[in-house]
Amino acid sequence: QVQLVESGGGLVQPGGSLRLSCEVSGFTAEYHAIAWFRQAPGKEREGISCISFTDGGTYTSDSLKGRFTISRDNDKTTVYLQLIRLKYEDTAVYYCAADRSGGVYCNDRYHYLRPLDELKYDWWGKGTQVTVSS
């Protein structure tokens, strides 16, 4: 059974930072991608960034590049999302998700293959709330 567990969310002031964690367990992650998404109240889910478990390649949404950075630990069991210069509009539930088929290419060269299409991801965590408020 695959499990993805997010943590690290909380209340932060505008301009502040957070680091979210996604713990991955229950399957061999050598050929999967892990992505972060978010969903704000009343809005559709939005793809943020993904990382390949084979070569560590990453892809980040243009609108969030420069403020949000994805990474993983060496044993590939935890994926992080560093958030900086947070804004009120970053308030959302943040989810991580895993690609089972290996069909997601986390690399700017393959942006046309839509690596942050949520339909490409098979397993999802329950999310962690990030609230940006003064």
Protein backbone atom coordinates (compact mmCIF):
# COMPACT_ATOMS: atom_id res chain seq x y z
CA GLN A 1 0.00 0.00 0.00
CA VAL A 2 1.43 3.35 -1.07
CA GLN A 3 1.37 6.14 1.44
CA LEU A 4 2.17 9.80 1.03
CA VAL A 5 2.11 11.95 4.14
CA GLU A 6 2.53 15.70 4.00
CA SER A 7 3.68 17.85 6.90
CA GLY A 8 5.14 21.25 7.62
CA GLY A 9 2.17 23.45 6.94
CA GLY A 10 1.02 26.17 9.28
CA LEU A 11 0.35 29.85 9.77
CA VAL A 12 2.96 32.23 8.41
CA GLN A 13 3.11 35.97 7.85
CA PRO A 14 3.42 37.46 4.38
CA GLY A 15 7.03 37.39 3.28
CA GLY A 16 7.76 34.40 5.47
CA SER A 17 8.98 30.91 4.59
CA LEU A 18 7.98 27.31 5.14
CA ARG A 19 9.36 23.93 4.21
CA LEU A 20 6.84 21.24 3.46
CA SER A 21 7.70 17.55 3.59
CA CYS A 22 6.19 14.57 1.80
CA GLU A 23 7.13 11.19 3.23
CA VAL A 24 6.86 8.40 0.68
CA SER A 25 6.50 4.77 1.67
CA GLY A 26 5.18 1.44 0.47
CA PHE A 27 6.68 1.18 -3.03
CA THR A 28 10.01 1.30 -4.82
CA ALA A 29 10.40 4.89 -5.91
CA GLU A 30 13.26 4.39 -8.34
CA TYR A 31 11.21 5.12 -11.44
CA HIS A 32 8.45 7.44 -10.22
CA ALA A 33 7.91 11.15 -10.02
CA ILE A 34 6.59 13.01 -7.05
CA ALA A 35 4.77 16.32 -7.44
CA TRP A 36 3.36 19.04 -5.26
CA PHE A 37 -0.05 20.56 -5.92
CA ARG A 38 -2.16 23.05 -4.03
CA GLN A 39 -5.82 23.95 -3.85
CA ALA A 40 -7.12 27.21 -2.50
CA PRO A 41 -10.74 27.59 -1.34
CA GLY A 42 -13.06 27.87 -4.30
CA LYS A 43 -10.30 27.25 -6.82
CA GLU A 44 -9.12 24.35 -8.92
CA ARG A 45 -6.12 22.32 -7.90
CA GLU A 46 -2.88 23.81 -9.22
CA GLY A 47 0.35 22.01 -10.05
CA ILE A 48 3.45 23.48 -8.42
CA SER A 49 6.48 21.33 -9.09
CA CYS A 50 7.64 17.76 -9.67
CA ILE A 51 10.84 15.79 -9.22
CA SER A 52 11.97 12.63 -10.95
CA PHE A 53 13.11 9.82 -8.70
CA THR A 54 15.48 8.42 -11.31
CA ASP A 55 17.64 11.39 -12.17
CA GLY A 56 16.39 14.09 -9.81
CA GLY A 57 15.23 16.27 -12.65
CA THR A 58 12.73 18.93 -11.67
CA TYR A 59 10.04 21.01 -13.25
CA THR A 60 8.33 23.98 -11.65
CA SER A 61 5.38 26.03 -12.80
CA ASP A 62 6.58 29.29 -14.36
CA SER A 63 4.31 31.33 -12.11
CA LEU A 64 5.93 29.91 -8.96
CA LYS A 65 9.50 29.50 -10.10
CA GLY A 66 11.86 31.51 -7.96
CA ARG A 67 9.75 31.26 -4.81
CA PHE A 68 9.02 27.53 -4.60
CA THR A 69 11.75 24.89 -4.81
CA ILE A 70 11.36 21.12 -4.82
CA SER A 71 14.03 18.72 -3.58
CA ARG A 72 14.42 15.26 -2.12
CA ASP A 73 16.61 13.54 0.40
CA ASN A 74 19.31 11.10 -0.64
CA ASP A 75 17.34 7.97 0.17
CA LYS A 76 14.42 9.32 -1.89
CA THR A 77 11.88 8.70 0.84
CA THR A 78 11.12 12.36 1.49
CA VAL A 79 10.39 15.14 -0.96
CA TYR A 80 10.47 18.75 0.18
CA LEU A 81 8.90 21.95 -1.05
CA GLN A 82 10.61 25.12 0.12
CA LEU A 83 8.33 28.13 0.05
CA ILE A 84 9.77 31.64 0.35
CA ARG A 85 8.40 35.19 0.12
CA LEU A 86 4.95 33.85 0.83
CA LYS A 87 1.91 35.86 -0.22
CA TYR A 88 -1.70 35.89 0.95
CA GLU A 89 -2.69 34.12 -2.27
CA ASP A 90 -0.43 31.17 -1.38
CA THR A 91 -2.96 30.14 1.25
CA ALA A 92 -4.11 26.66 0.26
CA VAL A 93 -4.01 22.99 1.10
CA TYR A 94 -0.78 21.57 -0.30
CA TYR A 95 -0.73 17.99 -1.55
CA CYS A 96 1.96 15.64 -2.79
CA ALA A 97 1.23 12.98 -5.35
CA ALA A 98 3.10 10.09 -6.97
CA ASP A 99 3.25 8.85 -10.53
CA ARG A 100 3.14 5.06 -10.69
CA SER A 101 3.64 4.50 -14.40
CA GLY A 102 6.85 6.42 -14.87
CA GLY A 103 5.24 8.49 -17.59
CA VAL A 104 5.93 11.90 -16.07
CA TYR A 105 9.00 13.78 -17.27
CA CYS A 106 10.09 16.40 -14.77
CA ASN A 107 12.27 18.55 -16.98
CA ASP A 108 11.83 21.93 -18.62
CA ARG A 109 12.61 20.35 -22.00
CA TYR A 110 9.43 18.29 -21.70
CA HIS A 111 7.09 21.02 -20.47
CA TYR A 112 4.83 20.33 -23.48
CA LEU A 113 4.09 16.89 -22.00
CA ARG A 114 2.39 18.64 -19.07
CA PRO A 115 4.27 17.06 -16.16
CA LEU A 116 1.94 18.79 -13.68
CA ASP A 117 -1.26 17.36 -15.12
CA GLU A 118 -2.94 15.93 -12.02
CA LEU A 119 -4.44 13.12 -14.09
CA LYS A 120 -0.95 11.68 -14.50
CA TYR A 121 -0.65 11.02 -10.76
CA ASP A 122 -1.99 7.90 -9.12
CA TRP A 123 -1.50 8.31 -5.39
CA TRP A 124 -2.20 11.34 -3.26
CA GLY A 125 -1.59 12.44 0.29
CA LYS A 126 -4.23 14.08 2.44
CA GLY A 127 -2.62 17.49 2.34
CA THR A 128 -1.22 20.06 4.73
CA GLN A 129 -2.73 23.50 5.25
CA VAL A 130 -0.67 26.61 4.59
CA THR A 131 -2.20 29.87 5.75
CA VAL A 132 -0.53 33.18 4.99
CA SER A 133 -1.93 35.88 7.22
CA SER A 134 -0.80 38.87 9.23
